[in-house]
Amino acid sequence: MINYVVCPECGYKLFKLGDGSNAEILCPKCKLKLQIEIKDSKIIIQKVLSDKA
């Protein structure tokens, strides 16, 4: 199954992924860095904290 993934902050459609996918992306609209995983038809989206100290 193919799933469309949108940014949880701004709603921008990022891309489509299939089951078992794992990706890290920077949203081109709001610049939020996201870690996206699709496992057993569940979509997990996590914000990635920047490494700035």
Protein backbone atom coordinates (compact mmCIF):
# COMPACT_ATOMS: atom_id res chain seq x y z
CA MET A 1 0.00 0.00 0.00
CA ILE A 2 1.23 3.52 -0.83
CA ASN A 3 0.77 6.29 1.78
CA TYR A 4 0.98 10.03 1.23
CA VAL A 5 2.97 11.77 3.96
CA VAL A 6 2.27 15.40 4.89
CA CYS A 7 4.14 17.70 7.25
CA PRO A 8 2.37 17.77 10.66
CA GLU A 9 3.24 21.48 11.10
CA CYS A 10 2.21 23.08 7.81
CA GLY A 11 0.33 20.34 5.92
CA TYR A 12 2.68 20.37 2.91
CA LYS A 13 2.50 17.09 0.94
CA LEU A 14 6.04 15.70 1.17
CA PHE A 15 5.99 12.42 -0.78
CA LYS A 16 4.46 8.97 -0.95
CA LEU A 17 5.98 5.90 0.71
CA GLY A 18 5.20 2.21 0.90
CA ASP A 19 5.16 -0.17 3.85
CA GLY A 20 8.61 -0.77 5.35
CA SER A 21 9.91 2.66 4.35
CA ASN A 22 12.13 4.82 6.52
CA ALA A 23 13.12 8.38 5.57
CA GLU A 24 14.44 11.62 7.03
CA ILE A 25 13.40 14.85 5.29
CA LEU A 26 13.48 18.60 5.71
CA CYS A 27 10.09 20.12 4.87
CA PRO A 28 10.71 22.63 2.06
CA LYS A 29 7.87 24.89 3.25
CA CYS A 30 8.39 25.24 7.04
CA LYS A 31 11.97 23.80 7.34
CA LEU A 32 11.00 21.25 9.99
CA LYS A 33 13.23 18.15 10.01
CA LEU A 34 11.23 14.92 10.21
CA GLN A 35 11.96 11.21 10.64
CA ILE A 36 9.25 9.13 8.94
CA GLU A 37 8.76 5.37 9.24
CA ILE A 38 6.00 3.17 7.85
CA LYS A 39 5.79 -0.21 9.54
CA ASP A 40 2.88 -2.66 9.43
CA SER A 41 0.70 0.05 7.79
CA LYS A 42 1.34 2.45 10.71
CA ILE A 43 2.87 5.85 9.90
CA ILE A 44 5.24 7.21 12.56
CA ILE A 45 6.36 10.84 12.16
CA GLN A 46 8.86 12.30 14.63
CA LYS A 47 10.42 15.75 14.76
CA VAL A 48 14.22 15.63 14.68
CA LEU A 49 15.87 18.02 17.12
CA SER A 50 18.65 20.11 15.63
CA ASP A 51 22.21 19.55 16.81
CA LYS A 52 22.82 23.24 17.53
CA ALA A 53 24.39 23.83 20.93
